[in-house]
Amino acid sequence: MIAFEGWNDAGEAATSALRYLEDAVRGVPLAEIDGEEFYDFTVRRPTARFEGGRSSALDWPTTRFSYGSIDSSRELVTGVGCEPHFHWRRYCDLVAELVARLAVRHVVLLGAFVADVVYSRPVGVTGFASDPGRLAEIGVTPSTYEGPTGIVGALAERLDREDVEVSSLWASLPHYINATPNPRGALALLQKLAQHLEIAVDEAPLRGEAAEFEQRISALVSGDPELGEYVRQLKKREFAQ
């Protein structure tokens, strides 16, 4: 299960959902992909930390993998990283090699995008899967998107060529709400993931964050006449469909 910061991660919904699940299964470090050949460090800079009264080591952009137990018979491998800037084919090869080495049977990729959607409606989740029946089982609408893609699309294509079963789930978030992180999007993805993996996850903390977030956005919309009118027009358009 992998999510990437950046273009594929509107409102940080995908990475937030995956980190939440990683915490739930008490994931421990497994592996990482060195970012030296994959990132432009003037675009995605390393970050410095100050601890104990002095500067500590830099945190470099990378992809980190962890693993934890879903139950007594199933383990979950998670990967969170920054979308690479260079050498996508080489990057996908490295992920495919790790998947083969660990004998992973099914890979789920997460993403989030912005669209003309009403902020107060349940967050829609679309996706694609090498086995379309998996989407139907969890009530996810198959995506018909054509156009520019991110590393999620490139990695899905690479893994599919290796005959690895792949699913991808994408949350649809309102483009007119520039608020990050978006816990409503993360919650929608987490719920579909829980169905998809047939696991029980304590959603209560994230559900609380999502409710608070919705209240803040409602106050923002009601206090901005122009934005409020735009949302009303979206609702009319949605009703007409």
C-alpha atoms as a PDB file:
ATOM      1  CA  MET A   1       0.000   0.000   0.000  1.00  0.00           C
ATOM      2  CA  ILE A   2       1.640   3.240  -1.162  1.00  0.00           C
ATOM      3  CA  ALA A   3       0.827   6.968  -1.205  1.00  0.00           C
ATOM      4  CA  PHE A   4       2.875   9.916  -2.453  1.00  0.00           C
ATOM      5  CA  GLU A   5       3.090  13.506  -1.341  1.00  0.00           C
ATOM      6  CA  GLY A   6       2.669  16.132  -4.049  1.00  0.00           C
ATOM      7  CA  TRP A   7       0.626  16.126  -7.245  1.00  0.00           C
ATOM      8  CA  ASN A   8      -1.142  12.858  -6.355  1.00  0.00           C
ATOM      9  CA  ASP A   9      -2.138  14.002  -2.856  1.00  0.00           C
ATOM     10  CA  ALA A  10      -4.687  16.842  -2.780  1.00  0.00           C
ATOM     11  CA  GLY A  11      -5.278  17.982   0.782  1.00  0.00           C
ATOM     12  CA  GLU A  12      -2.696  15.418   1.920  1.00  0.00           C
ATOM     13  CA  ALA A  13      -5.655  13.016   2.053  1.00  0.00           C
ATOM     14  CA  ALA A  14      -3.843   9.976   0.651  1.00  0.00           C
ATOM     15  CA  THR A  15      -0.704  10.217   2.787  1.00  0.00           C
ATOM     16  CA  SER A  16      -2.755  11.079   5.893  1.00  0.00           C
ATOM     17  CA  ALA A  17      -4.966   8.013   5.426  1.00  0.00           C
ATOM     18  CA  LEU A  18      -1.983   5.734   4.932  1.00  0.00           C
ATOM     19  CA  ARG A  19      -0.078   7.118   7.923  1.00  0.00           C
ATOM     20  CA  TYR A  20      -3.193   6.671  10.060  1.00  0.00           C
ATOM     21  CA  LEU A  21      -3.459   3.029   8.982  1.00  0.00           C
ATOM     22  CA  GLU A  22       0.267   2.558   9.504  1.00  0.00           C
ATOM     23  CA  ASP A  23      -0.131   3.729  13.100  1.00  0.00           C
ATOM     24  CA  ALA A  24      -3.153   1.470  13.565  1.00  0.00           C
ATOM     25  CA  VAL A  25      -1.169  -1.646  12.638  1.00  0.00           C
ATOM     26  CA  ARG A  26       1.874  -0.372  14.577  1.00  0.00           C
ATOM     27  CA  GLY A  27       4.097  -0.351  11.540  1.00  0.00           C
ATOM     28  CA  VAL A  28       7.863  -0.629  12.036  1.00  0.00           C
ATOM     29  CA  PRO A  29      10.586   0.416   9.563  1.00  0.00           C
ATOM     30  CA  LEU A  30      11.253  -2.034   6.744  1.00  0.00           C
ATOM     31  CA  ALA A  31      13.149  -0.329   3.899  1.00  0.00           C
ATOM     32  CA  GLU A  32      13.605   2.951   2.066  1.00  0.00           C
ATOM     33  CA  ILE A  33      14.501   4.184  -1.385  1.00  0.00           C
ATOM     34  CA  ASP A  34      17.436   6.601  -1.344  1.00  0.00           C
ATOM     35  CA  GLY A  35      16.263   9.831  -2.954  1.00  0.00           C
ATOM     36  CA  GLU A  36      19.629  10.966  -4.344  1.00  0.00           C
ATOM     37  CA  GLU A  37      18.897  10.057  -7.971  1.00  0.00           C
ATOM     38  CA  PHE A  38      15.157  10.757  -7.895  1.00  0.00           C
ATOM     39  CA  TYR A  39      14.690  14.255  -6.417  1.00  0.00           C
ATOM     40  CA  ASP A  40      15.572  17.819  -7.302  1.00  0.00           C
ATOM     41  CA  PHE A  41      16.559  19.075  -3.868  1.00  0.00           C
ATOM     42  CA  THR A  42      15.993  22.695  -4.926  1.00  0.00           C
ATOM     43  CA  VAL A  43      12.336  21.780  -5.529  1.00  0.00           C
ATOM     44  CA  ARG A  44      11.829  19.438  -2.588  1.00  0.00           C
ATOM     45  CA  ARG A  45      14.420  20.522  -0.059  1.00  0.00           C
ATOM     46  CA  PRO A  46      15.736  18.490   2.875  1.00  0.00           C
ATOM     47  CA  THR A  47      14.544  19.783   6.230  1.00  0.00           C
ATOM     48  CA  ALA A  48      16.694  20.610   9.233  1.00  0.00           C
ATOM     49  CA  ARG A  49      15.624  19.778  12.783  1.00  0.00           C
ATOM     50  CA  PHE A  50      16.723  21.472  15.994  1.00  0.00           C
ATOM     51  CA  GLU A  51      16.707  19.167  18.986  1.00  0.00           C
ATOM     52  CA  GLY A  52      18.360  19.292  22.389  1.00  0.00           C
ATOM     53  CA  GLY A  53      19.746  22.747  21.814  1.00  0.00           C
ATOM     54  CA  ARG A  54      21.566  21.916  18.596  1.00  0.00           C
ATOM     55  CA  SER A  55      20.977  21.074  14.957  1.00  0.00           C
ATOM     56  CA  SER A  56      20.429  17.408  14.211  1.00  0.00           C
ATOM     57  CA  ALA A  57      20.651  15.375  11.033  1.00  0.00           C
ATOM     58  CA  LEU A  58      18.767  16.493   7.940  1.00  0.00           C
ATOM     59  CA  ASP A  59      15.606  14.722   6.807  1.00  0.00           C
ATOM     60  CA  TRP A  60      16.057  14.004   3.096  1.00  0.00           C
ATOM     61  CA  PRO A  61      13.164  13.392   0.685  1.00  0.00           C
ATOM     62  CA  THR A  62      12.759   9.660   0.265  1.00  0.00           C
ATOM     63  CA  THR A  63      10.234   6.802   0.256  1.00  0.00           C
ATOM     64  CA  ARG A  64       9.996   4.837   3.495  1.00  0.00           C
ATOM     65  CA  PHE A  65       8.371   1.427   3.822  1.00  0.00           C
ATOM     66  CA  SER A  66       7.029  -0.118   7.034  1.00  0.00           C
ATOM     67  CA  TYR A  67       5.222  -3.299   7.933  1.00  0.00           C
ATOM     68  CA  GLY A  68       2.771  -4.367  10.583  1.00  0.00           C
ATOM     69  CA  SER A  69       0.266  -7.125  11.298  1.00  0.00           C
ATOM     70  CA  ILE A  70      -3.379  -6.903  10.284  1.00  0.00           C
ATOM     71  CA  ASP A  71      -4.119 -10.162  12.106  1.00  0.00           C
ATOM     72  CA  SER A  72      -2.383 -13.443  12.946  1.00  0.00           C
ATOM     73  CA  SER A  73      -2.195 -14.474   9.291  1.00  0.00           C
ATOM     74  CA  ARG A  74      -1.793 -11.216   7.358  1.00  0.00           C
ATOM     75  CA  GLU A  75       0.899  -8.538   7.267  1.00  0.00           C
ATOM     76  CA  LEU A  76       0.593  -5.089   5.745  1.00  0.00           C
ATOM     77  CA  VAL A  77       3.448  -3.259   4.019  1.00  0.00           C
ATOM     78  CA  THR A  78       3.015   0.504   3.698  1.00  0.00           C
ATOM     79  CA  GLY A  79       5.077   3.009   1.754  1.00  0.00           C
ATOM     80  CA  VAL A  80       4.915   6.808   1.985  1.00  0.00           C
ATOM     81  CA  GLY A  81       7.139   9.112  -0.011  1.00  0.00           C
ATOM     82  CA  CYS A  82       7.487  12.196  -2.164  1.00  0.00           C
ATOM     83  CA  GLU A  83       6.624  11.903  -5.826  1.00  0.00           C
ATOM     84  CA  PRO A  84      10.010  11.633  -7.584  1.00  0.00           C
ATOM     85  CA  HIS A  85      11.152  14.306 -10.036  1.00  0.00           C
ATOM     86  CA  PHE A  86      13.487  12.134 -12.114  1.00  0.00           C
ATOM     87  CA  HIS A  87      13.927   8.572 -13.426  1.00  0.00           C
ATOM     88  CA  TRP A  88      10.382   7.335 -12.910  1.00  0.00           C
ATOM     89  CA  ARG A  89      11.031   4.059 -14.739  1.00  0.00           C
ATOM     90  CA  ARG A  90      14.022   3.279 -12.541  1.00  0.00           C
ATOM     91  CA  TYR A  91      12.031   4.239  -9.439  1.00  0.00           C
ATOM     92  CA  CYS A  92       9.158   1.932 -10.427  1.00  0.00           C
ATOM     93  CA  ASP A  93      11.666  -0.871 -11.050  1.00  0.00           C
ATOM     94  CA  LEU A  94      12.919  -0.546  -7.467  1.00  0.00           C
ATOM     95  CA  VAL A  95       9.397  -0.699  -6.049  1.00  0.00           C
ATOM     96  CA  ALA A  96       8.586  -3.703  -8.254  1.00  0.00           C
ATOM     97  CA  GLU A  97      11.752  -5.449  -7.020  1.00  0.00           C
ATOM     98  CA  LEU A  98      10.716  -4.896  -3.395  1.00  0.00           C
ATOM     99  CA  VAL A  99       7.202  -6.174  -4.113  1.00  0.00           C
ATOM    100  CA  ALA A 100       8.660  -9.324  -5.699  1.00  0.00           C
ATOM    101  CA  ARG A 101      11.170  -9.878  -2.877  1.00  0.00           C
ATOM    102  CA  LEU A 102       8.444  -9.652  -0.240  1.00  0.00           C
ATOM    103  CA  ALA A 103       6.033 -11.799  -2.304  1.00  0.00           C
ATOM    104  CA  VAL A 104       3.343  -9.125  -1.981  1.00  0.00           C
ATOM    105  CA  ARG A 105       0.117 -10.416  -3.505  1.00  0.00           C
ATOM    106  CA  HIS A 106      -1.874  -7.211  -3.840  1.00  0.00           C
ATOM    107  CA  VAL A 107      -0.798  -3.556  -4.008  1.00  0.00           C
ATOM    108  CA  VAL A 108      -3.172  -0.689  -3.212  1.00  0.00           C
ATOM    109  CA  LEU A 109      -2.201   2.806  -4.364  1.00  0.00           C
ATOM    110  CA  LEU A 110      -3.842   5.896  -2.877  1.00  0.00           C
ATOM    111  CA  GLY A 111      -4.410   9.352  -4.327  1.00  0.00           C
ATOM    112  CA  ALA A 112      -6.560  12.459  -4.057  1.00  0.00           C
ATOM    113  CA  PHE A 113      -7.510  15.102  -6.613  1.00  0.00           C
ATOM    114  CA  VAL A 114      -9.471  18.352  -6.757  1.00  0.00           C
ATOM    115  CA  ALA A 115     -12.751  18.704  -8.637  1.00  0.00           C
ATOM    116  CA  ASP A 116     -16.084  20.558  -8.797  1.00  0.00           C
ATOM    117  CA  VAL A 117     -17.659  18.827  -5.812  1.00  0.00           C
ATOM    118  CA  VAL A 118     -19.805  20.145  -2.968  1.00  0.00           C
ATOM    119  CA  TYR A 119     -17.670  20.313   0.176  1.00  0.00           C
ATOM    120  CA  SER A 120     -20.481  19.179   2.514  1.00  0.00           C
ATOM    121  CA  ARG A 121     -21.393  16.045   0.542  1.00  0.00           C
ATOM    122  CA  PRO A 122     -19.777  12.697   1.411  1.00  0.00           C
ATOM    123  CA  VAL A 123     -16.342  12.534  -0.194  1.00  0.00           C
ATOM    124  CA  GLY A 124     -16.509  10.529  -3.403  1.00  0.00           C
ATOM    125  CA  VAL A 125     -13.936   7.798  -4.023  1.00  0.00           C
ATOM    126  CA  THR A 126     -13.187   6.517  -7.505  1.00  0.00           C
ATOM    127  CA  GLY A 127     -10.501   4.144  -8.673  1.00  0.00           C
ATOM    128  CA  PHE A 128      -9.265   1.417 -10.951  1.00  0.00           C
ATOM    129  CA  ALA A 129      -8.233  -2.172 -10.374  1.00  0.00           C
ATOM    130  CA  SER A 130      -6.744  -5.062 -12.290  1.00  0.00           C
ATOM    131  CA  ASP A 131      -9.686  -7.007 -10.851  1.00  0.00           C
ATOM    132  CA  PRO A 132     -12.703  -4.671 -11.371  1.00  0.00           C
ATOM    133  CA  GLY A 133     -14.794  -6.840  -9.075  1.00  0.00           C
ATOM    134  CA  ARG A 134     -12.825  -5.514  -6.096  1.00  0.00           C
ATOM    135  CA  LEU A 135     -14.129  -2.001  -6.743  1.00  0.00           C
ATOM    136  CA  ALA A 136     -17.723  -3.192  -7.018  1.00  0.00           C
ATOM    137  CA  GLU A 137     -17.409  -5.011  -3.692  1.00  0.00           C
ATOM    138  CA  ILE A 138     -16.639  -1.785  -1.821  1.00  0.00           C
ATOM    139  CA  GLY A 139     -18.891   0.560  -3.814  1.00  0.00           C
ATOM    140  CA  VAL A 140     -16.138   2.454  -5.649  1.00  0.00           C
ATOM    141  CA  THR A 141     -16.954   3.924  -9.056  1.00  0.00           C
ATOM    142  CA  PRO A 142     -14.419   2.964 -11.752  1.00  0.00           C
ATOM    143  CA  SER A 143     -12.443   5.953 -13.004  1.00  0.00           C
ATOM    144  CA  THR A 144     -12.657   6.956 -16.678  1.00  0.00           C
ATOM    145  CA  TYR A 145      -9.888   9.581 -16.399  1.00  0.00           C
ATOM    146  CA  GLU A 146      -7.628  10.214 -19.386  1.00  0.00           C
ATOM    147  CA  GLY A 147      -4.803  12.753 -19.312  1.00  0.00           C
ATOM    148  CA  PRO A 148      -1.571  13.570 -17.486  1.00  0.00           C
ATOM    149  CA  THR A 149      -0.723  11.102 -14.761  1.00  0.00           C
ATOM    150  CA  GLY A 150       1.486  11.013 -11.702  1.00  0.00           C
ATOM    151  CA  ILE A 151       3.801   8.411 -10.252  1.00  0.00           C
ATOM    152  CA  VAL A 152       0.741   6.487  -8.985  1.00  0.00           C
ATOM    153  CA  GLY A 153      -0.345   5.827 -12.577  1.00  0.00           C
ATOM    154  CA  ALA A 154       3.178   4.955 -13.691  1.00  0.00           C
ATOM    155  CA  LEU A 155       3.684   2.551 -10.797  1.00  0.00           C
ATOM    156  CA  ALA A 156       0.308   0.885 -11.360  1.00  0.00           C
ATOM    157  CA  GLU A 157       1.223   0.235 -14.996  1.00  0.00           C
ATOM    158  CA  ARG A 158       4.632  -1.168 -14.005  1.00  0.00           C
ATOM    159  CA  LEU A 159       3.238  -3.535 -11.388  1.00  0.00           C
ATOM    160  CA  ASP A 160       0.452  -4.667 -13.702  1.00  0.00           C
ATOM    161  CA  ARG A 161       3.093  -5.753 -16.236  1.00  0.00           C
ATOM    162  CA  GLU A 162       4.557  -7.951 -13.508  1.00  0.00           C
ATOM    163  CA  ASP A 163       1.131  -9.583 -13.019  1.00  0.00           C
ATOM    164  CA  VAL A 164       0.801  -8.074  -9.547  1.00  0.00           C
ATOM    165  CA  GLU A 165      -2.805  -7.402  -8.583  1.00  0.00           C
ATOM    166  CA  VAL A 166      -3.205  -3.623  -8.294  1.00  0.00           C
ATOM    167  CA  SER A 167      -5.992  -1.393  -6.998  1.00  0.00           C
ATOM    168  CA  SER A 168      -5.978   2.390  -6.814  1.00  0.00           C
ATOM    169  CA  LEU A 169      -8.362   4.527  -4.745  1.00  0.00           C
ATOM    170  CA  TRP A 170      -8.754   8.285  -5.242  1.00  0.00           C
ATOM    171  CA  ALA A 171     -10.649  10.801  -3.102  1.00  0.00           C
ATOM    172  CA  SER A 172     -12.359  13.722  -4.846  1.00  0.00           C
ATOM    173  CA  LEU A 173     -11.955  17.024  -2.952  1.00  0.00           C
ATOM    174  CA  PRO A 174     -13.362  20.534  -3.622  1.00  0.00           C
ATOM    175  CA  HIS A 175     -10.942  22.687  -5.598  1.00  0.00           C
ATOM    176  CA  TYR A 176     -12.220  25.920  -4.022  1.00  0.00           C
ATOM    177  CA  ILE A 177     -11.253  24.893  -0.472  1.00  0.00           C
ATOM    178  CA  ASN A 178      -7.526  25.442  -0.131  1.00  0.00           C
ATOM    179  CA  ALA A 179      -7.108  23.744   3.237  1.00  0.00           C
ATOM    180  CA  THR A 180      -4.472  21.170   4.074  1.00  0.00           C
ATOM    181  CA  PRO A 181      -4.647  18.627   5.577  1.00  0.00           C
ATOM    182  CA  ASN A 182      -8.166  17.550   4.653  1.00  0.00           C
ATOM    183  CA  PRO A 183      -9.232  14.870   7.174  1.00  0.00           C
ATOM    184  CA  ARG A 184     -12.568  14.313   5.397  1.00  0.00           C
ATOM    185  CA  GLY A 185     -10.683  13.040   2.365  1.00  0.00           C
ATOM    186  CA  ALA A 186      -8.403  10.912   4.532  1.00  0.00           C
ATOM    187  CA  LEU A 187     -11.406   9.418   6.349  1.00  0.00           C
ATOM    188  CA  ALA A 188     -13.139   8.500   3.080  1.00  0.00           C
ATOM    189  CA  LEU A 189     -10.030   6.693   1.849  1.00  0.00           C
ATOM    190  CA  LEU A 190      -9.470   4.967   5.187  1.00  0.00           C
ATOM    191  CA  GLN A 191     -13.041   3.648   5.218  1.00  0.00           C
ATOM    192  CA  LYS A 192     -12.712   2.210   1.715  1.00  0.00           C
ATOM    193  CA  LEU A 193      -9.349   0.722   2.623  1.00  0.00           C
ATOM    194  CA  ALA A 194     -10.820  -0.946   5.696  1.00  0.00           C
ATOM    195  CA  GLN A 195     -13.545  -2.484   3.511  1.00  0.00           C
ATOM    196  CA  HIS A 196     -11.047  -3.446   0.849  1.00  0.00           C
ATOM    197  CA  LEU A 197      -8.715  -5.172   3.310  1.00  0.00           C
ATOM    198  CA  GLU A 198     -11.523  -6.495   5.525  1.00  0.00           C
ATOM    199  CA  ILE A 199      -9.988  -5.065   8.681  1.00  0.00           C
ATOM    200  CA  ALA A 200     -11.352  -3.150  11.649  1.00  0.00           C
ATOM    201  CA  VAL A 201      -9.775   0.264  12.250  1.00  0.00           C
ATOM    202  CA  ASP A 202     -10.663   2.668  15.054  1.00  0.00           C
ATOM    203  CA  GLU A 203     -11.848   5.652  12.995  1.00  0.00           C
ATOM    204  CA  ALA A 204     -12.992   7.760  15.959  1.00  0.00           C
ATOM    205  CA  PRO A 205     -10.013  10.164  16.172  1.00  0.00           C
ATOM    206  CA  LEU A 206     -10.007  10.812  12.432  1.00  0.00           C
ATOM    207  CA  ARG A 207     -13.797  11.078  12.362  1.00  0.00           C
ATOM    208  CA  GLY A 208     -13.575  13.785  15.041  1.00  0.00           C
ATOM    209  CA  GLU A 209     -10.979  15.703  13.032  1.00  0.00           C
ATOM    210  CA  ALA A 210     -13.176  15.445   9.933  1.00  0.00           C
ATOM    211  CA  ALA A 211     -16.217  16.829  11.789  1.00  0.00           C
ATOM    212  CA  GLU A 212     -14.224  19.789  13.128  1.00  0.00           C
ATOM    213  CA  PHE A 213     -12.815  20.426   9.668  1.00  0.00           C
ATOM    214  CA  GLU A 214     -16.303  20.471   8.125  1.00  0.00           C
ATOM    215  CA  GLN A 215     -17.486  22.976  10.730  1.00  0.00           C
ATOM    216  CA  ARG A 216     -14.582  25.297   9.937  1.00  0.00           C
ATOM    217  CA  ILE A 217     -15.219  25.080   6.202  1.00  0.00           C
ATOM    218  CA  SER A 218     -18.959  25.678   6.680  1.00  0.00           C
ATOM    219  CA  ALA A 219     -18.160  28.841   8.635  1.00  0.00           C
ATOM    220  CA  LEU A 220     -15.757  29.930   5.905  1.00  0.00           C
ATOM    221  CA  VAL A 221     -18.331  29.407   3.148  1.00  0.00           C
ATOM    222  CA  SER A 222     -21.163  31.106   5.048  1.00  0.00           C
ATOM    223  CA  GLY A 223     -18.919  34.099   5.725  1.00  0.00           C
ATOM    224  CA  ASP A 224     -17.941  34.591   2.073  1.00  0.00           C
ATOM    225  CA  PRO A 225     -20.920  35.575  -0.129  1.00  0.00           C
ATOM    226  CA  GLU A 226     -19.088  34.904  -3.383  1.00  0.00           C
ATOM    227  CA  LEU A 227     -17.919  31.463  -2.262  1.00  0.00           C
ATOM    228  CA  GLY A 228     -21.354  30.689  -0.832  1.00  0.00           C
ATOM    229  CA  GLU A 229     -22.990  31.502  -4.162  1.00  0.00           C
ATOM    230  CA  TYR A 230     -20.505  29.292  -6.002  1.00  0.00           C
ATOM    231  CA  VAL A 231     -21.371  26.365  -3.708  1.00  0.00           C
ATOM    232  CA  ARG A 232     -25.104  26.968  -4.226  1.00  0.00           C
ATOM    233  CA  GLN A 233     -24.605  26.810  -7.986  1.00  0.00           C
ATOM    234  CA  LEU A 234     -22.674  23.556  -7.603  1.00  0.00           C
ATOM    235  CA  LYS A 235     -25.548  22.074  -5.606  1.00  0.00           C
ATOM    236  CA  LYS A 236     -28.042  23.103  -8.292  1.00  0.00           C
ATOM    237  CA  ARG A 237     -25.865  21.543 -10.967  1.00  0.00           C
ATOM    238  CA  GLU A 238     -25.554  18.353  -8.963  1.00  0.00           C
ATOM    239  CA  PHE A 239     -29.318  18.187  -8.391  1.00  0.00           C
ATOM    240  CA  ALA A 240     -29.978  18.719 -12.112  1.00  0.00           C
ATOM    241  CA  GLN A 241     -27.828  15.691 -12.936  1.00  0.00           C
END
